[in-house]
Amino acid sequence: MPSTTTPAAVEGMPKISARDVMINAWAGYRKMARTMREARFNRERFAYELRMAWANARADMPKPAAPAAPARAKPAITDPVKATRVAEIAAELQWMDMGDFTDWNRHRQLSVELAQIAA
């Protein structure tokens, strides 16, 4: 094992600023302490805020670019009835995906029907 360490920024991963993480953790702790009306320092609550600050910092990091996948051509549907049905199914699937509740049996039925039409 080499005795020197390679900084994360050299390998292409951006570094996370520990200073910014601590600032965000303290801000979150102070906000929580005000709402909970705590006068004394609570180590467990600060630990929670610190974990959340690190998680948020990692989530905000830019993701490495994935290699571009080759574009697949969509099969052209010439039948206007089929084209209309495909548009209806796509709209209903999109509505299901954005809603609060999804009937997965109906979702599966529509997906199978869409695959059969496209084949």
PDB file of N, CA and C in Angstrom:
ATOM      1  N   MET A   1       0.843  -1.162   0.000  1.00  0.00           N
ATOM      2  CA  MET A   1       0.000   0.000   0.000  1.00  0.00           C
ATOM      3  C   MET A   1       0.897   1.236   0.000  1.00  0.00           C
ATOM      4  N   PRO A   2       0.597   2.208  -0.859  1.00  0.00           N
ATOM      5  CA  PRO A   2       1.456   3.393  -0.916  1.00  0.00           C
ATOM      6  C   PRO A   2       1.322   4.233   0.352  1.00  0.00           C
ATOM      7  N   SER A   3       2.403   4.921   0.678  1.00  0.00           N
ATOM      8  CA  SER A   3       2.392   5.739   1.884  1.00  0.00           C
ATOM      9  C   SER A   3       1.774   7.114   1.645  1.00  0.00           C
ATOM     10  N   THR A   4       1.577   7.473   0.390  1.00  0.00           N
ATOM     11  CA  THR A   4       0.971   8.771   0.096  1.00  0.00           C
ATOM     12  C   THR A   4      -0.483   8.566  -0.300  1.00  0.00           C
ATOM     13  N   THR A   5      -1.290   9.549   0.000  1.00  0.00           N
ATOM     14  CA  THR A   5      -2.689   9.484  -0.373  1.00  0.00           C
ATOM     15  C   THR A   5      -2.940  10.426  -1.537  1.00  0.00           C
ATOM     16  N   THR A   6      -3.875  10.055  -2.367  1.00  0.00           N
ATOM     17  CA  THR A   6      -4.240  10.883  -3.507  1.00  0.00           C
ATOM     18  C   THR A   6      -5.496  11.661  -3.152  1.00  0.00           C
ATOM     19  N   PRO A   7      -5.449  12.977  -3.269  1.00  0.00           N
ATOM     20  CA  PRO A   7      -6.653  13.753  -2.971  1.00  0.00           C
ATOM     21  C   PRO A   7      -7.789  13.361  -3.905  1.00  0.00           C
ATOM     22  N   ALA A   8      -8.995  13.475  -3.395  1.00  0.00           N
ATOM     23  CA  ALA A   8     -10.166  13.082  -4.178  1.00  0.00           C
ATOM     24  C   ALA A   8     -10.317  13.935  -5.427  1.00  0.00           C
ATOM     25  N   ALA A   9      -9.923  15.203  -5.372  1.00  0.00           N
ATOM     26  CA  ALA A   9     -10.093  16.094  -6.516  1.00  0.00           C
ATOM     27  C   ALA A   9      -9.215  15.670  -7.685  1.00  0.00           C
ATOM     28  N   VAL A  10      -8.079  15.006  -7.397  1.00  0.00           N
ATOM     29  CA  VAL A  10      -7.192  14.578  -8.466  1.00  0.00           C
ATOM     30  C   VAL A  10      -7.829  13.456  -9.276  1.00  0.00           C
ATOM     31  N   GLU A  11      -8.603  12.614  -8.621  1.00  0.00           N
ATOM     32  CA  GLU A  11      -9.208  11.469  -9.295  1.00  0.00           C
ATOM     33  C   GLU A  11     -10.505  11.824 -10.013  1.00  0.00           C
ATOM     34  N   GLY A  12     -10.861  13.093 -10.046  1.00  0.00           N
ATOM     35  CA  GLY A  12     -12.047  13.500 -10.768  1.00  0.00           C
ATOM     36  C   GLY A  12     -13.261  13.759  -9.891  1.00  0.00           C
ATOM     37  N   MET A  13     -13.194  13.395  -8.626  1.00  0.00           N
ATOM     38  CA  MET A  13     -14.320  13.646  -7.725  1.00  0.00           C
ATOM     39  C   MET A  13     -14.131  15.007  -7.062  1.00  0.00           C
ATOM     40  N   PRO A  14     -15.142  15.851  -7.087  1.00  0.00           N
ATOM     41  CA  PRO A  14     -15.011  17.145  -6.414  1.00  0.00           C
ATOM     42  C   PRO A  14     -14.983  16.972  -4.898  1.00  0.00           C
ATOM     43  N   LYS A  15     -14.259  17.840  -4.233  1.00  0.00           N
ATOM     44  CA  LYS A  15     -14.170  17.775  -2.779  1.00  0.00           C
ATOM     45  C   LYS A  15     -15.353  18.501  -2.149  1.00  0.00           C
ATOM     46  N   ILE A  16     -15.738  18.026  -0.985  1.00  0.00           N
ATOM     47  CA  ILE A  16     -16.809  18.664  -0.226  1.00  0.00           C
ATOM     48  C   ILE A  16     -16.155  19.553   0.818  1.00  0.00           C
ATOM     49  N   SER A  17     -16.636  20.763   0.926  1.00  0.00           N
ATOM     50  CA  SER A  17     -16.082  21.702   1.891  1.00  0.00           C
ATOM     51  C   SER A  17     -16.605  21.365   3.292  1.00  0.00           C
ATOM     52  N   ALA A  18     -15.706  20.940   4.174  1.00  0.00           N
ATOM     53  CA  ALA A  18     -16.108  20.608   5.544  1.00  0.00           C
ATOM     54  C   ALA A  18     -16.610  21.861   6.264  1.00  0.00           C
ATOM     55  N   ARG A  19     -16.061  23.006   5.905  1.00  0.00           N
ATOM     56  CA  ARG A  19     -16.505  24.261   6.517  1.00  0.00           C
ATOM     57  C   ARG A  19     -17.980  24.517   6.214  1.00  0.00           C
ATOM     58  N   ASP A  20     -18.360  24.340   4.945  1.00  0.00           N
ATOM     59  CA  ASP A  20     -19.760  24.555   4.566  1.00  0.00           C
ATOM     60  C   ASP A  20     -20.681  23.536   5.228  1.00  0.00           C
ATOM     61  N   VAL A  21     -20.198  22.316   5.362  1.00  0.00           N
ATOM     62  CA  VAL A  21     -21.001  21.283   6.017  1.00  0.00           C
ATOM     63  C   VAL A  21     -21.247  21.664   7.474  1.00  0.00           C
ATOM     64  N   MET A  22     -20.206  22.126   8.175  1.00  0.00           N
ATOM     65  CA  MET A  22     -20.359  22.517   9.582  1.00  0.00           C
ATOM     66  C   MET A  22     -21.287  23.729   9.719  1.00  0.00           C
ATOM     67  N   ILE A  23     -21.171  24.670   8.802  1.00  0.00           N
ATOM     68  CA  ILE A  23     -22.043  25.853   8.836  1.00  0.00           C
ATOM     69  C   ILE A  23     -23.499  25.418   8.688  1.00  0.00           C
ATOM     70  N   ASN A  24     -23.749  24.518   7.729  1.00  0.00           N
ATOM     71  CA  ASN A  24     -25.124  24.039   7.520  1.00  0.00           C
ATOM     72  C   ASN A  24     -25.612  23.226   8.713  1.00  0.00           C
ATOM     73  N   ALA A  25     -24.732  22.436   9.317  1.00  0.00           N
ATOM     74  CA  ALA A  25     -25.130  21.629  10.475  1.00  0.00           C
ATOM     75  C   ALA A  25     -25.495  22.536  11.653  1.00  0.00           C
ATOM     76  N   TRP A  26     -24.681  23.556  11.916  1.00  0.00           N
ATOM     77  CA  TRP A  26     -24.984  24.472  13.024  1.00  0.00           C
ATOM     78  C   TRP A  26     -26.266  25.252  12.761  1.00  0.00           C
ATOM     79  N   ALA A  27     -26.462  25.662  11.503  1.00  0.00           N
ATOM     80  CA  ALA A  27     -27.692  26.391  11.178  1.00  0.00           C
ATOM     81  C   ALA A  27     -28.917  25.505  11.397  1.00  0.00           C
ATOM     82  N   GLY A  28     -28.824  24.258  10.978  1.00  0.00           N
ATOM     83  CA  GLY A  28     -29.932  23.335  11.186  1.00  0.00           C
ATOM     84  C   GLY A  28     -30.167  23.049  12.658  1.00  0.00           C
ATOM     85  N   TYR A  29     -29.074  22.928  13.423  1.00  0.00           N
ATOM     86  CA  TYR A  29     -29.207  22.658  14.863  1.00  0.00           C
ATOM     87  C   TYR A  29     -29.860  23.843  15.572  1.00  0.00           C
ATOM     88  N   ARG A  30     -29.411  25.047  15.229  1.00  0.00           N
ATOM     89  CA  ARG A  30     -29.990  26.242  15.870  1.00  0.00           C
ATOM     90  C   ARG A  30     -31.479  26.365  15.552  1.00  0.00           C
ATOM     91  N   LYS A  31     -31.834  26.068  14.308  1.00  0.00           N
ATOM     92  CA  LYS A  31     -33.242  26.137  13.920  1.00  0.00           C
ATOM     93  C   LYS A  31     -34.063  25.110  14.703  1.00  0.00           C
ATOM     94  N   MET A  32     -33.527  23.889  14.831  1.00  0.00           N
ATOM     95  CA  MET A  32     -34.237  22.853  15.572  1.00  0.00           C
ATOM     96  C   MET A  32     -34.297  23.204  17.054  1.00  0.00           C
ATOM     97  N   ALA A  33     -33.215  23.744  17.597  1.00  0.00           N
ATOM     98  CA  ALA A  33     -33.183  24.086  19.020  1.00  0.00           C
ATOM     99  C   ALA A  33     -34.192  25.188  19.335  1.00  0.00           C
ATOM    100  N   ARG A  34     -34.372  26.138  18.394  1.00  0.00           N
ATOM    101  CA  ARG A  34     -35.363  27.187  18.609  1.00  0.00           C
ATOM    102  C   ARG A  34     -36.774  26.611  18.624  1.00  0.00           C
ATOM    103  N   THR A  35     -37.053  25.702  17.690  1.00  0.00           N
ATOM    104  CA  THR A  35     -38.402  25.138  17.641  1.00  0.00           C
ATOM    105  C   THR A  35     -38.664  24.211  18.826  1.00  0.00           C
ATOM    106  N   MET A  36     -37.615  23.543  19.332  1.00  0.00           N
ATOM    107  CA  MET A  36     -37.780  22.638  20.469  1.00  0.00           C
ATOM    108  C   MET A  36     -37.620  23.375  21.801  1.00  0.00           C
ATOM    109  N   ARG A  37     -37.192  24.640  21.735  1.00  0.00           N
ATOM    110  CA  ARG A  37     -36.983  25.481  22.913  1.00  0.00           C
ATOM    111  C   ARG A  37     -35.992  24.861  23.904  1.00  0.00           C
ATOM    112  N   GLU A  38     -34.857  24.436  23.343  1.00  0.00           N
ATOM    113  CA  GLU A  38     -33.818  23.846  24.191  1.00  0.00           C
ATOM    114  C   GLU A  38     -32.792  24.916  24.550  1.00  0.00           C
ATOM    115  N   ALA A  39     -32.442  24.979  25.820  1.00  0.00           N
ATOM    116  CA  ALA A  39     -31.452  25.941  26.272  1.00  0.00           C
ATOM    117  C   ALA A  39     -30.061  25.316  26.297  1.00  0.00           C
ATOM    118  N   ARG A  40     -29.981  24.019  26.500  1.00  0.00           N
ATOM    119  CA  ARG A  40     -28.692  23.337  26.600  1.00  0.00           C
ATOM    120  C   ARG A  40     -28.361  22.640  25.286  1.00  0.00           C
ATOM    121  N   PHE A  41     -27.059  22.436  25.085  1.00  0.00           N
ATOM    122  CA  PHE A  41     -26.588  21.750  23.883  1.00  0.00           C
ATOM    123  C   PHE A  41     -26.986  20.275  23.945  1.00  0.00           C
ATOM    124  N   ASN A  42     -27.548  19.772  22.865  1.00  0.00           N
ATOM    125  CA  ASN A  42     -27.952  18.373  22.785  1.00  0.00           C
ATOM    126  C   ASN A  42     -27.067  17.692  21.751  1.00  0.00           C
ATOM    127  N   ARG A  43     -26.165  16.862  22.217  1.00  0.00           N
ATOM    128  CA  ARG A  43     -25.176  16.223  21.357  1.00  0.00           C
ATOM    129  C   ARG A  43     -25.824  15.316  20.302  1.00  0.00           C
ATOM    130  N   GLU A  44     -26.854  14.578  20.678  1.00  0.00           N
ATOM    131  CA  GLU A  44     -27.501  13.659  19.743  1.00  0.00           C
ATOM    132  C   GLU A  44     -28.189  14.414  18.605  1.00  0.00           C
ATOM    133  N   ARG A  45     -28.829  15.519  18.935  1.00  0.00           N
ATOM    134  CA  ARG A  45     -29.500  16.293  17.890  1.00  0.00           C
ATOM    135  C   ARG A  45     -28.490  16.950  16.952  1.00  0.00           C
ATOM    136  N   PHE A  46     -27.368  17.407  17.506  1.00  0.00           N
ATOM    137  CA  PHE A  46     -26.353  17.987  16.640  1.00  0.00           C
ATOM    138  C   PHE A  46     -25.739  16.910  15.746  1.00  0.00           C
ATOM    139  N   ALA A  47     -25.530  15.710  16.285  1.00  0.00           N
ATOM    140  CA  ALA A  47     -24.999  14.616  15.474  1.00  0.00           C
ATOM    141  C   ALA A  47     -25.932  14.308  14.307  1.00  0.00           C
ATOM    142  N   TYR A  48     -27.226  14.335  14.586  1.00  0.00           N
ATOM    143  CA  TYR A  48     -28.207  14.115  13.522  1.00  0.00           C
ATOM    144  C   TYR A  48     -28.090  15.201  12.455  1.00  0.00           C
ATOM    145  N   GLU A  49     -28.029  16.454  12.875  1.00  0.00           N
ATOM    146  CA  GLU A  49     -27.921  17.563  11.921  1.00  0.00           C
ATOM    147  C   GLU A  49     -26.635  17.472  11.110  1.00  0.00           C
ATOM    148  N   LEU A  50     -25.548  17.047  11.746  1.00  0.00           N
ATOM    149  CA  LEU A  50     -24.278  16.904  11.040  1.00  0.00           C
ATOM    150  C   LEU A  50     -24.369  15.799   9.991  1.00  0.00           C
ATOM    151  N   ARG A  51     -24.993  14.675  10.340  1.00  0.00           N
ATOM    152  CA  ARG A  51     -25.180  13.604   9.355  1.00  0.00           C
ATOM    153  C   ARG A  51     -26.015  14.084   8.176  1.00  0.00           C
ATOM    154  N   MET A  52     -27.076  14.837   8.477  1.00  0.00           N
ATOM    155  CA  MET A  52     -27.932  15.338   7.408  1.00  0.00           C
ATOM    156  C   MET A  52     -27.199  16.356   6.530  1.00  0.00           C
ATOM    157  N   ALA A  53     -26.355  17.173   7.139  1.00  0.00           N
ATOM    158  CA  ALA A  53     -25.591  18.157   6.362  1.00  0.00           C
ATOM    159  C   ALA A  53     -24.626  17.452   5.405  1.00  0.00           C
ATOM    160  N   TRP A  54     -23.956  16.388   5.877  1.00  0.00           N
ATOM    161  CA  TRP A  54     -23.060  15.620   5.000  1.00  0.00           C
ATOM    162  C   TRP A  54     -23.855  14.945   3.893  1.00  0.00           C
ATOM    163  N   ALA A  55     -25.007  14.381   4.221  1.00  0.00           N
ATOM    164  CA  ALA A  55     -25.828  13.713   3.211  1.00  0.00           C
ATOM    165  C   ALA A  55     -26.285  14.714   2.145  1.00  0.00           C
ATOM    166  N   ASN A  56     -26.687  15.898   2.570  1.00  0.00           N
ATOM    167  CA  ASN A  56     -27.119  16.923   1.614  1.00  0.00           C
ATOM    168  C   ASN A  56     -25.961  17.386   0.746  1.00  0.00           C
ATOM    169  N   ALA A  57     -24.773  17.514   1.340  1.00  0.00           N
ATOM    170  CA  ALA A  57     -23.600  17.931   0.565  1.00  0.00           C
ATOM    171  C   ALA A  57     -23.249  16.881  -0.483  1.00  0.00           C
ATOM    172  N   ARG A  58     -23.340  15.620  -0.108  1.00  0.00           N
ATOM    173  CA  ARG A  58     -23.056  14.559  -1.079  1.00  0.00           C
ATOM    174  C   ARG A  58     -24.110  14.526  -2.176  1.00  0.00           C
ATOM    175  N   ALA A  59     -25.352  14.759  -1.805  1.00  0.00           N
ATOM    176  CA  ALA A  59     -26.429  14.740  -2.797  1.00  0.00           C
ATOM    177  C   ALA A  59     -26.307  15.908  -3.776  1.00  0.00           C
ATOM    178  N   ASP A  60     -25.752  17.035  -3.312  1.00  0.00           N
ATOM    179  CA  ASP A  60     -25.619  18.214  -4.167  1.00  0.00           C
ATOM    180  C   ASP A  60     -24.398  18.173  -5.069  1.00  0.00           C
ATOM    181  N   MET A  61     -23.518  17.175  -4.860  1.00  0.00           N
ATOM    182  CA  MET A  61     -22.323  17.073  -5.701  1.00  0.00           C
ATOM    183  C   MET A  61     -22.725  16.739  -7.127  1.00  0.00           C
ATOM    184  N   PRO A  62     -22.015  17.289  -8.111  1.00  0.00           N
ATOM    185  CA  PRO A  62     -22.337  16.932  -9.492  1.00  0.00           C
ATOM    186  C   PRO A  62     -21.990  15.471  -9.750  1.00  0.00           C
ATOM    187  N   LYS A  63     -22.859  14.800 -10.463  1.00  0.00           N
ATOM    188  CA  LYS A  63     -22.643  13.400 -10.788  1.00  0.00           C
ATOM    189  C   LYS A  63     -21.699  13.293 -11.978  1.00  0.00           C
ATOM    190  N   PRO A  64     -20.855  12.259 -12.009  1.00  0.00           N
ATOM    191  CA  PRO A  64     -19.989  12.093 -13.178  1.00  0.00           C
ATOM    192  C   PRO A  64     -20.831  11.786 -14.408  1.00  0.00           C
ATOM    193  N   ALA A  65     -20.400  12.288 -15.524  1.00  0.00           N
ATOM    194  CA  ALA A  65     -21.148  12.105 -16.761  1.00  0.00           C
ATOM    195  C   ALA A  65     -21.098  10.641 -17.191  1.00  0.00           C
ATOM    196  N   ALA A  66     -22.244  10.091 -17.471  1.00  0.00           N
ATOM    197  CA  ALA A  66     -22.321   8.712 -17.933  1.00  0.00           C
ATOM    198  C   ALA A  66     -22.052   8.679 -19.430  1.00  0.00           C
ATOM    199  N   PRO A  67     -21.479   7.591 -19.900  1.00  0.00           N
ATOM    200  CA  PRO A  67     -21.253   7.513 -21.354  1.00  0.00           C
ATOM    201  C   PRO A  67     -22.588   7.517 -22.091  1.00  0.00           C
ATOM    202  N   ALA A  68     -22.612   8.199 -23.203  1.00  0.00           N
ATOM    203  CA  ALA A  68     -23.853   8.335 -23.968  1.00  0.00           C
ATOM    204  C   ALA A  68     -24.236   6.997 -24.580  1.00  0.00           C
ATOM    205  N   ALA A  69     -25.471   6.618 -24.382  1.00  0.00           N
ATOM    206  CA  ALA A  69     -25.973   5.373 -24.959  1.00  0.00           C
ATOM    207  C   ALA A  69     -26.383   5.640 -26.407  1.00  0.00           C
ATOM    208  N   PRO A  70     -26.210   4.653 -27.246  1.00  0.00           N
ATOM    209  CA  PRO A  70     -26.631   4.873 -28.634  1.00  0.00           C
ATOM    210  C   PRO A  70     -28.141   5.063 -28.704  1.00  0.00           C
ATOM    211  N   ALA A  71     -28.558   6.005 -29.507  1.00  0.00           N
ATOM    212  CA  ALA A  71     -29.985   6.313 -29.624  1.00  0.00           C
ATOM    213  C   ALA A  71     -30.674   5.228 -30.442  1.00  0.00           C
ATOM    214  N   ARG A  72     -31.780   4.740 -29.888  1.00  0.00           N
ATOM    215  CA  ARG A  72     -32.557   3.751 -30.619  1.00  0.00           C
ATOM    216  C   ARG A  72     -33.697   4.468 -31.334  1.00  0.00           C
ATOM    217  N   ALA A  73     -33.939   4.064 -32.546  1.00  0.00           N
ATOM    218  CA  ALA A  73     -35.024   4.667 -33.312  1.00  0.00           C
ATOM    219  C   ALA A  73     -36.341   4.044 -32.871  1.00  0.00           C
ATOM    220  N   LYS A  74     -37.335   4.889 -32.643  1.00  0.00           N
ATOM    221  CA  LYS A  74     -38.658   4.389 -32.292  1.00  0.00           C
ATOM    222  C   LYS A  74     -39.324   3.843 -33.550  1.00  0.00           C
ATOM    223  N   PRO A  75     -40.008   2.713 -33.406  1.00  0.00           N
ATOM    224  CA  PRO A  75     -40.709   2.215 -34.585  1.00  0.00           C
ATOM    225  C   PRO A  75     -41.840   3.157 -34.962  1.00  0.00           C
ATOM    226  N   ALA A  76     -41.937   3.425 -36.221  1.00  0.00           N
ATOM    227  CA  ALA A  76     -42.980   4.336 -36.703  1.00  0.00           C
ATOM    228  C   ALA A  76     -44.306   3.593 -36.761  1.00  0.00           C
ATOM    229  N   ILE A  77     -45.319   4.175 -36.151  1.00  0.00           N
ATOM    230  CA  ILE A  77     -46.654   3.588 -36.171  1.00  0.00           C
ATOM    231  C   ILE A  77     -47.452   4.358 -37.214  1.00  0.00           C
ATOM    232  N   THR A  78     -47.804   3.643 -38.287  1.00  0.00           N
ATOM    233  CA  THR A  78     -48.490   4.308 -39.394  1.00  0.00           C
ATOM    234  C   THR A  78     -50.005   4.283 -39.238  1.00  0.00           C
ATOM    235  N   ASP A  79     -50.518   3.310 -38.497  1.00  0.00           N
ATOM    236  CA  ASP A  79     -51.962   3.201 -38.307  1.00  0.00           C
ATOM    237  C   ASP A  79     -52.431   4.300 -37.349  1.00  0.00           C
ATOM    238  N   PRO A  80     -53.348   5.180 -37.756  1.00  0.00           N
ATOM    239  CA  PRO A  80     -53.774   6.277 -36.887  1.00  0.00           C
ATOM    240  C   PRO A  80     -54.500   5.808 -35.630  1.00  0.00           C
ATOM    241  N   VAL A  81     -55.188   4.679 -35.701  1.00  0.00           N
ATOM    242  CA  VAL A  81     -55.890   4.154 -34.523  1.00  0.00           C
ATOM    243  C   VAL A  81     -54.870   3.709 -33.476  1.00  0.00           C
ATOM    244  N   LYS A  82     -53.837   2.983 -33.945  1.00  0.00           N
ATOM    245  CA  LYS A  82     -52.783   2.535 -33.029  1.00  0.00           C
ATOM    246  C   LYS A  82     -52.026   3.731 -32.456  1.00  0.00           C
ATOM    247  N   ALA A  83     -51.745   4.724 -33.292  1.00  0.00           N
ATOM    248  CA  ALA A  83     -51.020   5.905 -32.828  1.00  0.00           C
ATOM    249  C   ALA A  83     -51.812   6.637 -31.749  1.00  0.00           C
ATOM    250  N   THR A  84     -53.133   6.719 -31.936  1.00  0.00           N
ATOM    251  CA  THR A  84     -53.986   7.359 -30.937  1.00  0.00           C
ATOM    252  C   THR A  84     -53.968   6.578 -29.636  1.00  0.00           C
ATOM    253  N   ARG A  85     -54.053   5.243 -29.735  1.00  0.00           N
ATOM    254  CA  ARG A  85     -54.039   4.401 -28.526  1.00  0.00           C
ATOM    255  C   ARG A  85     -52.700   4.512 -27.809  1.00  0.00           C
ATOM    256  N   VAL A  86     -51.598   4.563 -28.541  1.00  0.00           N
ATOM    257  CA  VAL A  86     -50.278   4.716 -27.924  1.00  0.00           C
ATOM    258  C   VAL A  86     -50.211   6.034 -27.159  1.00  0.00           C
ATOM    259  N   ALA A  87     -50.743   7.101 -27.740  1.00  0.00           N
ATOM    260  CA  ALA A  87     -50.738   8.396 -27.062  1.00  0.00           C
ATOM    261  C   ALA A  87     -51.597   8.353 -25.800  1.00  0.00           C
ATOM    262  N   GLU A  88     -52.746   7.666 -25.864  1.00  0.00           N
ATOM    263  CA  GLU A  88     -53.612   7.541 -24.683  1.00  0.00           C
ATOM    264  C   GLU A  88     -52.917   6.766 -23.569  1.00  0.00           C
ATOM    265  N   ILE A  89     -52.274   5.658 -23.941  1.00  0.00           N
ATOM    266  CA  ILE A  89     -51.578   4.837 -22.935  1.00  0.00           C
ATOM    267  C   ILE A  89     -50.437   5.626 -22.318  1.00  0.00           C
ATOM    268  N   ALA A  90     -49.663   6.324 -23.157  1.00  0.00           N
ATOM    269  CA  ALA A  90     -48.536   7.105 -22.643  1.00  0.00           C
ATOM    270  C   ALA A  90     -49.016   8.190 -21.682  1.00  0.00           C
ATOM    271  N   ALA A  91     -50.122   8.838 -22.017  1.00  0.00           N
ATOM    272  CA  ALA A  91     -50.651   9.888 -21.143  1.00  0.00           C
ATOM    273  C   ALA A  91     -51.127   9.305 -19.817  1.00  0.00           C
ATOM    274  N   GLU A  92     -51.801   8.137 -19.878  1.00  0.00           N
ATOM    275  CA  GLU A  92     -52.281   7.528 -18.638  1.00  0.00           C
ATOM    276  C   GLU A  92     -51.127   7.039 -17.764  1.00  0.00           C
ATOM    277  N   LEU A  93     -50.099   6.469 -18.388  1.00  0.00           N
ATOM    278  CA  LEU A  93     -48.925   6.026 -17.616  1.00  0.00           C
ATOM    279  C   LEU A  93     -48.223   7.213 -16.964  1.00  0.00           C
ATOM    280  N   GLN A  94     -48.111   8.319 -17.690  1.00  0.00           N
ATOM    281  CA  GLN A  94     -47.484   9.508 -17.130  1.00  0.00           C
ATOM    282  C   GLN A  94     -48.309  10.047 -15.961  1.00  0.00           C
ATOM    283  N   TRP A  95     -49.628  10.046 -16.105  1.00  0.00           N
ATOM    284  CA  TRP A  95     -50.500  10.494 -15.032  1.00  0.00           C
ATOM    285  C   TRP A  95     -50.343   9.607 -13.802  1.00  0.00           C
ATOM    286  N   MET A  96     -50.246   8.282 -14.025  1.00  0.00           N
ATOM    287  CA  MET A  96     -50.054   7.350 -12.905  1.00  0.00           C
ATOM    288  C   MET A  96     -48.730   7.596 -12.196  1.00  0.00           C
ATOM    289  N   ASP A  97     -47.676   7.834 -12.975  1.00  0.00           N
ATOM    290  CA  ASP A  97     -46.353   8.034 -12.387  1.00  0.00           C
ATOM    291  C   ASP A  97     -46.276   9.319 -11.565  1.00  0.00           C
ATOM    292  N   MET A  98     -47.081  10.315 -11.900  1.00  0.00           N
ATOM    293  CA  MET A  98     -47.037  11.583 -11.183  1.00  0.00           C
ATOM    294  C   MET A  98     -48.031  11.650 -10.030  1.00  0.00           C
ATOM    295  N   GLY A  99     -48.953  10.702  -9.972  1.00  0.00           N
ATOM    296  CA  GLY A  99     -49.977  10.738  -8.937  1.00  0.00           C
ATOM    297  C   GLY A  99     -49.489  10.213  -7.600  1.00  0.00           C
ATOM    298  N   ASP A 100     -50.330  10.380  -6.595  1.00  0.00           N
ATOM    299  CA  ASP A 100     -49.997   9.899  -5.255  1.00  0.00           C
ATOM    300  C   ASP A 100     -50.196   8.400  -5.116  1.00  0.00           C
ATOM    301  N   PHE A 101     -51.139   7.858  -5.858  1.00  0.00           N
ATOM    302  CA  PHE A 101     -51.441   6.434  -5.768  1.00  0.00           C
ATOM    303  C   PHE A 101     -51.338   5.831  -7.159  1.00  0.00           C
ATOM    304  N   THR A 102     -50.683   4.689  -7.272  1.00  0.00           N
ATOM    305  CA  THR A 102     -50.550   4.015  -8.551  1.00  0.00           C
ATOM    306  C   THR A 102     -51.151   2.623  -8.443  1.00  0.00           C
ATOM    307  N   ASP A 103     -52.097   2.328  -9.306  1.00  0.00           N
ATOM    308  CA  ASP A 103     -52.652   0.983  -9.408  1.00  0.00           C
ATOM    309  C   ASP A 103     -51.674   0.187 -10.273  1.00  0.00           C
ATOM    310  N   TRP A 104     -50.836  -0.611  -9.630  1.00  0.00           N
ATOM    311  CA  TRP A 104     -49.760  -1.292 -10.346  1.00  0.00           C
ATOM    312  C   TRP A 104     -50.272  -2.365 -11.289  1.00  0.00           C
ATOM    313  N   ASN A 105     -51.420  -2.961 -10.989  1.00  0.00           N
ATOM    314  CA  ASN A 105     -51.984  -3.937 -11.929  1.00  0.00           C
ATOM    315  C   ASN A 105     -52.372  -3.250 -13.237  1.00  0.00           C
ATOM    316  N   ARG A 106     -53.019  -2.095 -13.124  1.00  0.00           N
ATOM    317  CA  ARG A 106     -53.384  -1.324 -14.318  1.00  0.00           C
ATOM    318  C   ARG A 106     -52.140  -0.834 -15.041  1.00  0.00           C
ATOM    319  N   HIS A 107     -51.141  -0.418 -14.304  1.00  0.00           N
ATOM    320  CA  HIS A 107     -49.882   0.053 -14.882  1.00  0.00           C
ATOM    321  C   HIS A 107     -49.248  -1.066 -15.708  1.00  0.00           C
ATOM    322  N   ARG A 108     -49.225  -2.276 -15.154  1.00  0.00           N
ATOM    323  CA  ARG A 108     -48.641  -3.413 -15.857  1.00  0.00           C
ATOM    324  C   ARG A 108     -49.442  -3.732 -17.121  1.00  0.00           C
ATOM    325  N   GLN A 109     -50.783  -3.714 -17.027  1.00  0.00           N
ATOM    326  CA  GLN A 109     -51.624  -3.987 -18.193  1.00  0.00           C
ATOM    327  C   GLN A 109     -51.350  -2.998 -19.324  1.00  0.00           C
ATOM    328  N   LEU A 110     -51.258  -1.725 -18.964  1.00  0.00           N
ATOM    329  CA  LEU A 110     -50.994  -0.701 -19.984  1.00  0.00           C
ATOM    330  C   LEU A 110     -49.606  -0.860 -20.591  1.00  0.00           C
ATOM    331  N   SER A 111     -48.634  -1.195 -19.756  1.00  0.00           N
ATOM    332  CA  SER A 111     -47.271  -1.380 -20.257  1.00  0.00           C
ATOM    333  C   SER A 111     -47.195  -2.558 -21.231  1.00  0.00           C
ATOM    334  N   VAL A 112     -47.900  -3.640 -20.890  1.00  0.00           N
ATOM    335  CA  VAL A 112     -47.912  -4.811 -21.786  1.00  0.00           C
ATOM    336  C   VAL A 112     -48.610  -4.459 -23.089  1.00  0.00           C
ATOM    337  N   GLU A 113     -49.722  -3.759 -23.001  1.00  0.00           N
ATOM    338  CA  GLU A 113     -50.438  -3.365 -24.220  1.00  0.00           C
ATOM    339  C   GLU A 113     -49.594  -2.453 -25.090  1.00  0.00           C
ATOM    340  N   LEU A 114     -48.882  -1.535 -24.465  1.00  0.00           N
ATOM    341  CA  LEU A 114     -48.002  -0.633 -25.223  1.00  0.00           C
ATOM    342  C   LEU A 114     -46.883  -1.406 -25.912  1.00  0.00           C
ATOM    343  N   ALA A 115     -46.309  -2.390 -25.216  1.00  0.00           N
ATOM    344  CA  ALA A 115     -45.246  -3.200 -25.818  1.00  0.00           C
ATOM    345  C   ALA A 115     -45.780  -4.017 -26.981  1.00  0.00           C
ATOM    346  N   GLN A 116     -47.010  -4.531 -26.868  1.00  0.00           N
ATOM    347  CA  GLN A 116     -47.595  -5.329 -27.959  1.00  0.00           C
ATOM    348  C   GLN A 116     -47.875  -4.466 -29.183  1.00  0.00           C
ATOM    349  N   ILE A 117     -48.323  -3.249 -28.966  1.00  0.00           N
ATOM    350  CA  ILE A 117     -48.591  -2.356 -30.098  1.00  0.00           C
ATOM    351  C   ILE A 117     -47.294  -1.969 -30.784  1.00  0.00           C
ATOM    352  N   ALA A 118     -46.268  -1.689 -30.007  1.00  0.00           N
ATOM    353  CA  ALA A 118     -44.993  -1.250 -30.572  1.00  0.00           C
ATOM    354  C   ALA A 118     -44.246  -2.381 -31.271  1.00  0.00           C
ATOM    355  N   ALA A 119     -44.543  -3.625 -30.913  1.00  0.00           N
ATOM    356  CA  ALA A 119     -43.822  -4.765 -31.522  1.00  0.00           C
ATOM    357  C   ALA A 119     -44.262  -5.047 -32.925  1.00  0.00           C
TER     358      ALA A 119
END
